Amino acid sequence: MKVAMVCAGFSAGEADQLRRAMATFKLTGGVSKFKDKLVGGMVKNGYTSDFAERTFSQLGAFGSYGFPESMPRASRSSPMRRHG
């Protein structure tokens, strides 16, 4: 969410909303509502429109697979947890 805050000027609260949208992407597809703010904020801060669009696409791709797939497993139990 640091990308959203540093590159696009999101507040901490807005970045947290984006994080939550990524976590529920498969259920709600809610990341798309952040596109205009993220891309517009990045362009305003000197990034090219193409780079901003690609960054958003990467966040969306991560939200649709990587984030939801990695987070539940990490929170269930650690593979380093001792049994016995």
PDB file of N, CA and C in Angstrom:
ATOM      1  N   MET A   1       0.817  -1.176   0.000  1.00  0.00           N
ATOM      2  CA  MET A   1       0.000   0.000   0.000  1.00  0.00           C
ATOM      3  C   MET A   1       0.872   1.255   0.000  1.00  0.00           C
ATOM      4  N   LYS A   2       2.140   0.998   0.225  1.00  0.00           N
ATOM      5  CA  LYS A   2       3.099   2.098   0.173  1.00  0.00           C
ATOM      6  C   LYS A   2       3.102   2.751  -1.207  1.00  0.00           C
ATOM      7  N   VAL A   3       2.941   1.961  -2.266  1.00  0.00           N
ATOM      8  CA  VAL A   3       2.889   2.514  -3.630  1.00  0.00           C
ATOM      9  C   VAL A   3       1.738   3.507  -3.735  1.00  0.00           C
ATOM     10  N   ALA A   4       0.589   3.145  -3.228  1.00  0.00           N
ATOM     11  CA  ALA A   4      -0.569   4.032  -3.293  1.00  0.00           C
ATOM     12  C   ALA A   4      -0.316   5.317  -2.513  1.00  0.00           C
ATOM     13  N   MET A   5       0.327   5.216  -1.367  1.00  0.00           N
ATOM     14  CA  MET A   5       0.563   6.393  -0.535  1.00  0.00           C
ATOM     15  C   MET A   5       1.663   7.288  -1.115  1.00  0.00           C
ATOM     16  N   VAL A   6       2.784   6.691  -1.488  1.00  0.00           N
ATOM     17  CA  VAL A   6       3.930   7.476  -1.947  1.00  0.00           C
ATOM     18  C   VAL A   6       3.744   7.960  -3.380  1.00  0.00           C
ATOM     19  N   CYS A   7       3.314   7.085  -4.255  1.00  0.00           N
ATOM     20  CA  CYS A   7       3.248   7.419  -5.680  1.00  0.00           C
ATOM     21  C   CYS A   7       1.968   8.147  -6.082  1.00  0.00           C
ATOM     22  N   ALA A   8       0.861   7.848  -5.398  1.00  0.00           N
ATOM     23  CA  ALA A   8      -0.420   8.405  -5.816  1.00  0.00           C
ATOM     24  C   ALA A   8      -1.051   9.339  -4.800  1.00  0.00           C
ATOM     25  N   GLY A   9      -0.411   9.538  -3.652  1.00  0.00           N
ATOM     26  CA  GLY A   9      -0.933  10.481  -2.672  1.00  0.00           C
ATOM     27  C   GLY A   9      -2.114   9.990  -1.857  1.00  0.00           C
ATOM     28  N   PHE A  10      -2.285   8.675  -1.759  1.00  0.00           N
ATOM     29  CA  PHE A  10      -3.364   8.141  -0.927  1.00  0.00           C
ATOM     30  C   PHE A  10      -3.057   8.440   0.531  1.00  0.00           C
ATOM     31  N   SER A  11      -4.087   8.669   1.315  1.00  0.00           N
ATOM     32  CA  SER A  11      -3.914   8.760   2.763  1.00  0.00           C
ATOM     33  C   SER A  11      -3.752   7.341   3.300  1.00  0.00           C
ATOM     34  N   ALA A  12      -3.347   7.211   4.541  1.00  0.00           N
ATOM     35  CA  ALA A  12      -3.222   5.883   5.147  1.00  0.00           C
ATOM     36  C   ALA A  12      -4.572   5.162   5.139  1.00  0.00           C
ATOM     37  N   GLY A  13      -5.636   5.896   5.403  1.00  0.00           N
ATOM     38  CA  GLY A  13      -6.971   5.305   5.404  1.00  0.00           C
ATOM     39  C   GLY A  13      -7.398   4.834   4.028  1.00  0.00           C
ATOM     40  N   GLU A  14      -7.088   5.627   3.005  1.00  0.00           N
ATOM     41  CA  GLU A  14      -7.422   5.226   1.636  1.00  0.00           C
ATOM     42  C   GLU A  14      -6.613   4.003   1.214  1.00  0.00           C
ATOM     43  N   ALA A  15      -5.348   3.971   1.591  1.00  0.00           N
ATOM     44  CA  ALA A  15      -4.510   2.812   1.276  1.00  0.00           C
ATOM     45  C   ALA A  15      -5.037   1.564   1.975  1.00  0.00           C
ATOM     46  N   ASP A  16      -5.532   1.721   3.189  1.00  0.00           N
ATOM     47  CA  ASP A  16      -6.112   0.586   3.903  1.00  0.00           C
ATOM     48  C   ASP A  16      -7.386   0.109   3.206  1.00  0.00           C
ATOM     49  N   GLN A  17      -8.192   1.035   2.692  1.00  0.00           N
ATOM     50  CA  GLN A  17      -9.387   0.642   1.935  1.00  0.00           C
ATOM     51  C   GLN A  17      -8.994  -0.138   0.685  1.00  0.00           C
ATOM     52  N   LEU A  18      -7.929   0.294   0.015  1.00  0.00           N
ATOM     53  CA  LEU A  18      -7.433  -0.434  -1.153  1.00  0.00           C
ATOM     54  C   LEU A  18      -6.968  -1.829  -0.744  1.00  0.00           C
ATOM     55  N   ARG A  19      -6.261  -1.917   0.356  1.00  0.00           N
ATOM     56  CA  ARG A  19      -5.810  -3.225   0.854  1.00  0.00           C
ATOM     57  C   ARG A  19      -6.990  -4.152   1.119  1.00  0.00           C
ATOM     58  N   ARG A  20      -8.008  -3.615   1.740  1.00  0.00           N
ATOM     59  CA  ARG A  20      -9.206  -4.425   2.026  1.00  0.00           C
ATOM     60  C   ARG A  20      -9.899  -4.856   0.738  1.00  0.00           C
ATOM     61  N   ALA A  21      -9.937  -3.963  -0.251  1.00  0.00           N
ATOM     62  CA  ALA A  21     -10.537  -4.305  -1.539  1.00  0.00           C
ATOM     63  C   ALA A  21      -9.742  -5.420  -2.215  1.00  0.00           C
ATOM     64  N   MET A  22      -8.420  -5.379  -2.074  1.00  0.00           N
ATOM     65  CA  MET A  22      -7.589  -6.434  -2.647  1.00  0.00           C
ATOM     66  C   MET A  22      -7.852  -7.763  -1.950  1.00  0.00           C
ATOM     67  N   ALA A  23      -8.055  -7.722  -0.659  1.00  0.00           N
ATOM     68  CA  ALA A  23      -8.286  -8.945   0.110  1.00  0.00           C
ATOM     69  C   ALA A  23      -9.600  -9.614  -0.254  1.00  0.00           C
ATOM     70  N   THR A  24     -10.574  -8.845  -0.709  1.00  0.00           N
ATOM     71  CA  THR A  24     -11.889  -9.400  -1.048  1.00  0.00           C
ATOM     72  C   THR A  24     -12.154  -9.357  -2.540  1.00  0.00           C
ATOM     73  N   PHE A  25     -11.096  -9.213  -3.340  1.00  0.00           N
ATOM     74  CA  PHE A  25     -11.241  -9.027  -4.779  1.00  0.00           C
ATOM     75  C   PHE A  25     -12.099 -10.101  -5.427  1.00  0.00           C
ATOM     76  N   LYS A  26     -11.864 -11.355  -5.107  1.00  0.00           N
ATOM     77  CA  LYS A  26     -12.608 -12.442  -5.748  1.00  0.00           C
ATOM     78  C   LYS A  26     -14.096 -12.369  -5.421  1.00  0.00           C
ATOM     79  N   LEU A  27     -14.429 -11.823  -4.289  1.00  0.00           N
ATOM     80  CA  LEU A  27     -15.835 -11.728  -3.899  1.00  0.00           C
ATOM     81  C   LEU A  27     -16.506 -10.470  -4.435  1.00  0.00           C
ATOM     82  N   THR A  28     -15.770  -9.362  -4.478  1.00  0.00           N
ATOM     83  CA  THR A  28     -16.400  -8.086  -4.810  1.00  0.00           C
ATOM     84  C   THR A  28     -15.845  -7.389  -6.034  1.00  0.00           C
ATOM     85  N   GLY A  29     -14.617  -7.703  -6.448  1.00  0.00           N
ATOM     86  CA  GLY A  29     -13.986  -7.000  -7.563  1.00  0.00           C
ATOM     87  C   GLY A  29     -13.795  -5.524  -7.279  1.00  0.00           C
ATOM     88  N   GLY A  30     -13.698  -5.156  -6.018  1.00  0.00           N
ATOM     89  CA  GLY A  30     -13.720  -3.766  -5.591  1.00  0.00           C
ATOM     90  C   GLY A  30     -12.497  -2.918  -5.855  1.00  0.00           C
ATOM     91  N   VAL A  31     -11.437  -3.473  -6.419  1.00  0.00           N
ATOM     92  CA  VAL A  31     -10.225  -2.698  -6.653  1.00  0.00           C
ATOM     93  C   VAL A  31     -10.463  -1.645  -7.734  1.00  0.00           C
ATOM     94  N   SER A  32     -11.331  -1.922  -8.683  1.00  0.00           N
ATOM     95  CA  SER A  32     -11.538  -1.013  -9.818  1.00  0.00           C
ATOM     96  C   SER A  32     -11.996   0.381  -9.406  1.00  0.00           C
ATOM     97  N   LYS A  33     -12.659   0.509  -8.282  1.00  0.00           N
ATOM     98  CA  LYS A  33     -13.117   1.833  -7.856  1.00  0.00           C
ATOM     99  C   LYS A  33     -11.960   2.750  -7.449  1.00  0.00           C
ATOM    100  N   PHE A  34     -10.758   2.192  -7.277  1.00  0.00           N
ATOM    101  CA  PHE A  34      -9.585   2.979  -6.913  1.00  0.00           C
ATOM    102  C   PHE A  34      -8.742   3.385  -8.120  1.00  0.00           C
ATOM    103  N   LYS A  35      -9.112   2.916  -9.311  1.00  0.00           N
ATOM    104  CA  LYS A  35      -8.288   3.144 -10.501  1.00  0.00           C
ATOM    105  C   LYS A  35      -8.080   4.624 -10.796  1.00  0.00           C
ATOM    106  N   ASP A  36      -9.144   5.391 -10.873  1.00  0.00           N
ATOM    107  CA  ASP A  36      -9.012   6.814 -11.216  1.00  0.00           C
ATOM    108  C   ASP A  36      -8.130   7.558 -10.223  1.00  0.00           C
ATOM    109  N   LYS A  37      -8.307   7.282  -8.942  1.00  0.00           N
ATOM    110  CA  LYS A  37      -7.513   7.973  -7.924  1.00  0.00           C
ATOM    111  C   LYS A  37      -6.047   7.557  -8.004  1.00  0.00           C
ATOM    112  N   LEU A  38      -5.787   6.266  -8.170  1.00  0.00           N
ATOM    113  CA  LEU A  38      -4.410   5.793  -8.218  1.00  0.00           C
ATOM    114  C   LEU A  38      -3.705   6.302  -9.472  1.00  0.00           C
ATOM    115  N   VAL A  39      -4.308   6.093 -10.624  1.00  0.00           N
ATOM    116  CA  VAL A  39      -3.685   6.520 -11.879  1.00  0.00           C
ATOM    117  C   VAL A  39      -3.565   8.043 -11.916  1.00  0.00           C
ATOM    118  N   GLY A  40      -4.625   8.746 -11.563  1.00  0.00           N
ATOM    119  CA  GLY A  40      -4.597  10.211 -11.557  1.00  0.00           C
ATOM    120  C   GLY A  40      -3.571  10.772 -10.594  1.00  0.00           C
ATOM    121  N   GLY A  41      -3.468  10.169  -9.418  1.00  0.00           N
ATOM    122  CA  GLY A  41      -2.495  10.618  -8.427  1.00  0.00           C
ATOM    123  C   GLY A  41      -1.068  10.381  -8.880  1.00  0.00           C
ATOM    124  N   MET A  42      -0.845   9.255  -9.529  1.00  0.00           N
ATOM    125  CA  MET A  42       0.503   8.963 -10.025  1.00  0.00           C
ATOM    126  C   MET A  42       0.896   9.931 -11.140  1.00  0.00           C
ATOM    127  N   VAL A  43      -0.041  10.206 -12.050  1.00  0.00           N
ATOM    128  CA  VAL A  43       0.243  11.146 -13.141  1.00  0.00           C
ATOM    129  C   VAL A  43       0.521  12.535 -12.562  1.00  0.00           C
ATOM    130  N   LYS A  44      -0.284  12.934 -11.589  1.00  0.00           N
ATOM    131  CA  LYS A  44      -0.089  14.236 -10.935  1.00  0.00           C
ATOM    132  C   LYS A  44       1.294  14.325 -10.284  1.00  0.00           C
ATOM    133  N   ASN A  45       1.805  13.188  -9.798  1.00  0.00           N
ATOM    134  CA  ASN A  45       3.106  13.159  -9.133  1.00  0.00           C
ATOM    135  C   ASN A  45       4.259  12.873 -10.098  1.00  0.00           C
ATOM    136  N   GLY A  46       4.006  12.968 -11.400  1.00  0.00           N
ATOM    137  CA  GLY A  46       5.089  12.893 -12.375  1.00  0.00           C
ATOM    138  C   GLY A  46       5.306  11.568 -13.072  1.00  0.00           C
ATOM    139  N   TYR A  47       4.504  10.573 -12.778  1.00  0.00           N
ATOM    140  CA  TYR A  47       4.636   9.291 -13.459  1.00  0.00           C
ATOM    141  C   TYR A  47       3.875   9.355 -14.787  1.00  0.00           C
ATOM    142  N   THR A  48       4.322   8.590 -15.771  1.00  0.00           N
ATOM    143  CA  THR A  48       3.611   8.577 -17.054  1.00  0.00           C
ATOM    144  C   THR A  48       2.283   7.847 -16.881  1.00  0.00           C
ATOM    145  N   SER A  49       1.353   8.186 -17.733  1.00  0.00           N
ATOM    146  CA  SER A  49       0.046   7.535 -17.707  1.00  0.00           C
ATOM    147  C   SER A  49       0.185   6.032 -17.957  1.00  0.00           C
ATOM    148  N   ASP A  50       1.054   5.680 -18.893  1.00  0.00           N
ATOM    149  CA  ASP A  50       1.267   4.266 -19.202  1.00  0.00           C
ATOM    150  C   ASP A  50       1.792   3.510 -17.983  1.00  0.00           C
ATOM    151  N   PHE A  51       2.783   4.091 -17.302  1.00  0.00           N
ATOM    152  CA  PHE A  51       3.341   3.447 -16.113  1.00  0.00           C
ATOM    153  C   PHE A  51       2.279   3.322 -15.020  1.00  0.00           C
ATOM    154  N   ALA A  52       1.485   4.361 -14.832  1.00  0.00           N
ATOM    155  CA  ALA A  52       0.433   4.340 -13.813  1.00  0.00           C
ATOM    156  C   ALA A  52      -0.603   3.268 -14.125  1.00  0.00           C
ATOM    157  N   GLU A  53      -0.983   3.142 -15.387  1.00  0.00           N
ATOM    158  CA  GLU A  53      -1.958   2.118 -15.798  1.00  0.00           C
ATOM    159  C   GLU A  53      -1.391   0.720 -15.558  1.00  0.00           C
ATOM    160  N   ARG A  54      -0.109   0.526 -15.896  1.00  0.00           N
ATOM    161  CA  ARG A  54       0.513  -0.782 -15.676  1.00  0.00           C
ATOM    162  C   ARG A  54       0.618  -1.101 -14.190  1.00  0.00           C
ATOM    163  N   THR A  55       0.916  -0.091 -13.387  1.00  0.00           N
ATOM    164  CA  THR A  55       0.989  -0.297 -11.936  1.00  0.00           C
ATOM    165  C   THR A  55      -0.362  -0.729 -11.402  1.00  0.00           C
ATOM    166  N   PHE A  56      -1.420  -0.049 -11.840  1.00  0.00           N
ATOM    167  CA  PHE A  56      -2.755  -0.429 -11.394  1.00  0.00           C
ATOM    168  C   PHE A  56      -3.086  -1.856 -11.828  1.00  0.00           C
ATOM    169  N   SER A  57      -2.735  -2.202 -13.058  1.00  0.00           N
ATOM    170  CA  SER A  57      -2.997  -3.559 -13.550  1.00  0.00           C
ATOM    171  C   SER A  57      -2.278  -4.596 -12.703  1.00  0.00           C
ATOM    172  N   GLN A  58      -1.054  -4.291 -12.312  1.00  0.00           N
ATOM    173  CA  GLN A  58      -0.305  -5.226 -11.472  1.00  0.00           C
ATOM    174  C   GLN A  58      -0.938  -5.362 -10.091  1.00  0.00           C
ATOM    175  N   LEU A  59      -1.396  -4.245  -9.537  1.00  0.00           N
ATOM    176  CA  LEU A  59      -2.084  -4.323  -8.241  1.00  0.00           C
ATOM    177  C   LEU A  59      -3.359  -5.147  -8.370  1.00  0.00           C
ATOM    178  N   GLY A  60      -4.093  -4.932  -9.464  1.00  0.00           N
ATOM    179  CA  GLY A  60      -5.318  -5.691  -9.692  1.00  0.00           C
ATOM    180  C   GLY A  60      -5.044  -7.171  -9.850  1.00  0.00           C
ATOM    181  N   ALA A  61      -3.984  -7.506 -10.589  1.00  0.00           N
ATOM    182  CA  ALA A  61      -3.624  -8.911 -10.775  1.00  0.00           C
ATOM    183  C   ALA A  61      -3.222  -9.545  -9.450  1.00  0.00           C
ATOM    184  N   PHE A  62      -2.453  -8.807  -8.662  1.00  0.00           N
ATOM    185  CA  PHE A  62      -2.062  -9.316  -7.354  1.00  0.00           C
ATOM    186  C   PHE A  62      -3.293  -9.478  -6.461  1.00  0.00           C
ATOM    187  N   GLY A  63      -4.195  -8.515  -6.546  1.00  0.00           N
ATOM    188  CA  GLY A  63      -5.412  -8.594  -5.748  1.00  0.00           C
ATOM    189  C   GLY A  63      -6.287  -9.757  -6.140  1.00  0.00           C
ATOM    190  N   SER A  64      -6.275 -10.119  -7.429  1.00  0.00           N
ATOM    191  CA  SER A  64      -7.146 -11.205  -7.876  1.00  0.00           C
ATOM    192  C   SER A  64      -6.576 -12.579  -7.573  1.00  0.00           C
ATOM    193  N   TYR A  65      -5.268 -12.663  -7.360  1.00  0.00           N
ATOM    194  CA  TYR A  65      -4.697 -13.974  -7.068  1.00  0.00           C
ATOM    195  C   TYR A  65      -3.771 -13.973  -5.847  1.00  0.00           C
ATOM    196  N   GLY A  66      -2.676 -13.247  -5.942  1.00  0.00           N
ATOM    197  CA  GLY A  66      -1.626 -13.325  -4.933  1.00  0.00           C
ATOM    198  C   GLY A  66      -2.058 -12.966  -3.532  1.00  0.00           C
ATOM    199  N   PHE A  67      -2.711 -11.844  -3.386  1.00  0.00           N
ATOM    200  CA  PHE A  67      -3.072 -11.365  -2.052  1.00  0.00           C
ATOM    201  C   PHE A  67      -4.071 -12.302  -1.364  1.00  0.00           C
ATOM    202  N   PRO A  68      -5.227 -12.615  -2.001  1.00  0.00           N
ATOM    203  CA  PRO A  68      -6.178 -13.494  -1.318  1.00  0.00           C
ATOM    204  C   PRO A  68      -5.625 -14.892  -1.070  1.00  0.00           C
ATOM    205  N   GLU A  69      -4.792 -15.383  -1.980  1.00  0.00           N
ATOM    206  CA  GLU A  69      -4.256 -16.718  -1.821  1.00  0.00           C
ATOM    207  C   GLU A  69      -3.203 -16.788  -0.728  1.00  0.00           C
ATOM    208  N   SER A  70      -2.455 -15.718  -0.533  1.00  0.00           N
ATOM    209  CA  SER A  70      -1.377 -15.770   0.448  1.00  0.00           C
ATOM    210  C   SER A  70      -1.843 -15.426   1.855  1.00  0.00           C
ATOM    211  N   MET A  71      -2.757 -14.518   1.992  1.00  0.00           N
ATOM    212  CA  MET A  71      -3.124 -14.031   3.320  1.00  0.00           C
ATOM    213  C   MET A  71      -3.826 -15.068   4.192  1.00  0.00           C
ATOM    214  N   PRO A  72      -4.840 -15.785   3.722  1.00  0.00           N
ATOM    215  CA  PRO A  72      -5.510 -16.731   4.623  1.00  0.00           C
ATOM    216  C   PRO A  72      -4.577 -17.811   5.148  1.00  0.00           C
ATOM    217  N   ARG A  73      -3.707 -18.319   4.301  1.00  0.00           N
ATOM    218  CA  ARG A  73      -2.779 -19.362   4.742  1.00  0.00           C
ATOM    219  C   ARG A  73      -1.844 -18.843   5.819  1.00  0.00           C
ATOM    220  N   ALA A  74      -1.371 -17.642   5.643  1.00  0.00           N
ATOM    221  CA  ALA A  74      -0.435 -17.065   6.612  1.00  0.00           C
ATOM    222  C   ALA A  74      -1.106 -16.871   7.963  1.00  0.00           C
ATOM    223  N   SER A  75      -2.387 -16.581   7.948  1.00  0.00           N
ATOM    224  CA  SER A  75      -3.061 -16.299   9.212  1.00  0.00           C
ATOM    225  C   SER A  75      -3.566 -17.558   9.908  1.00  0.00           C
ATOM    226  N   ARG A  76      -3.710 -18.657   9.167  1.00  0.00           N
ATOM    227  CA  ARG A  76      -4.221 -19.887   9.772  1.00  0.00           C
ATOM    228  C   ARG A  76      -3.214 -20.501  10.733  1.00  0.00           C
ATOM    229  N   SER A  77      -2.052 -20.777  10.211  1.00  0.00           N
ATOM    230  CA  SER A  77      -1.001 -21.311  11.079  1.00  0.00           C
ATOM    231  C   SER A  77       0.331 -21.180  10.370  1.00  0.00           C
ATOM    232  N   SER A  78       1.337 -21.085  11.133  1.00  0.00           N
ATOM    233  CA  SER A  78       2.673 -20.951  10.589  1.00  0.00           C
ATOM    234  C   SER A  78       3.253 -22.333  10.322  1.00  0.00           C
ATOM    235  N   PRO A  79       3.948 -22.526   9.191  1.00  0.00           N
ATOM    236  CA  PRO A  79       4.590 -23.817   8.961  1.00  0.00           C
ATOM    237  C   PRO A  79       5.718 -24.076   9.955  1.00  0.00           C
ATOM    238  N   MET A  80       6.132 -23.039  10.635  1.00  0.00           N
ATOM    239  CA  MET A  80       7.203 -23.173  11.614  1.00  0.00           C
ATOM    240  C   MET A  80       6.663 -23.538  13.004  1.00  0.00           C
ATOM    241  N   ARG A  81       5.340 -23.612  13.118  1.00  0.00           N
ATOM    242  CA  ARG A  81       4.741 -23.911  14.412  1.00  0.00           C
ATOM    243  C   ARG A  81       5.112 -25.318  14.873  1.00  0.00           C
ATOM    244  N   ARG A  82       5.476 -25.442  16.114  1.00  0.00           N
ATOM    245  CA  ARG A  82       5.859 -26.746  16.648  1.00  0.00           C
ATOM    246  C   ARG A  82       4.625 -27.517  17.071  1.00  0.00           C
ATOM    247  N   HIS A  83       4.658 -28.797  16.823  1.00  0.00           N
ATOM    248  CA  HIS A  83       3.589 -29.680  17.273  1.00  0.00           C
ATOM    249  C   HIS A  83       4.162 -30.610  18.338  1.00  0.00           C
ATOM    250  N   GLY A  84       3.403 -30.869  19.308  1.00  0.00           N
ATOM    251  CA  GLY A  84       3.920 -31.822  20.257  1.00  0.00           C
ATOM    252  C   GLY A  84       3.625 -31.471  21.609  1.00  0.00           C
TER     253      GLY A  84
END
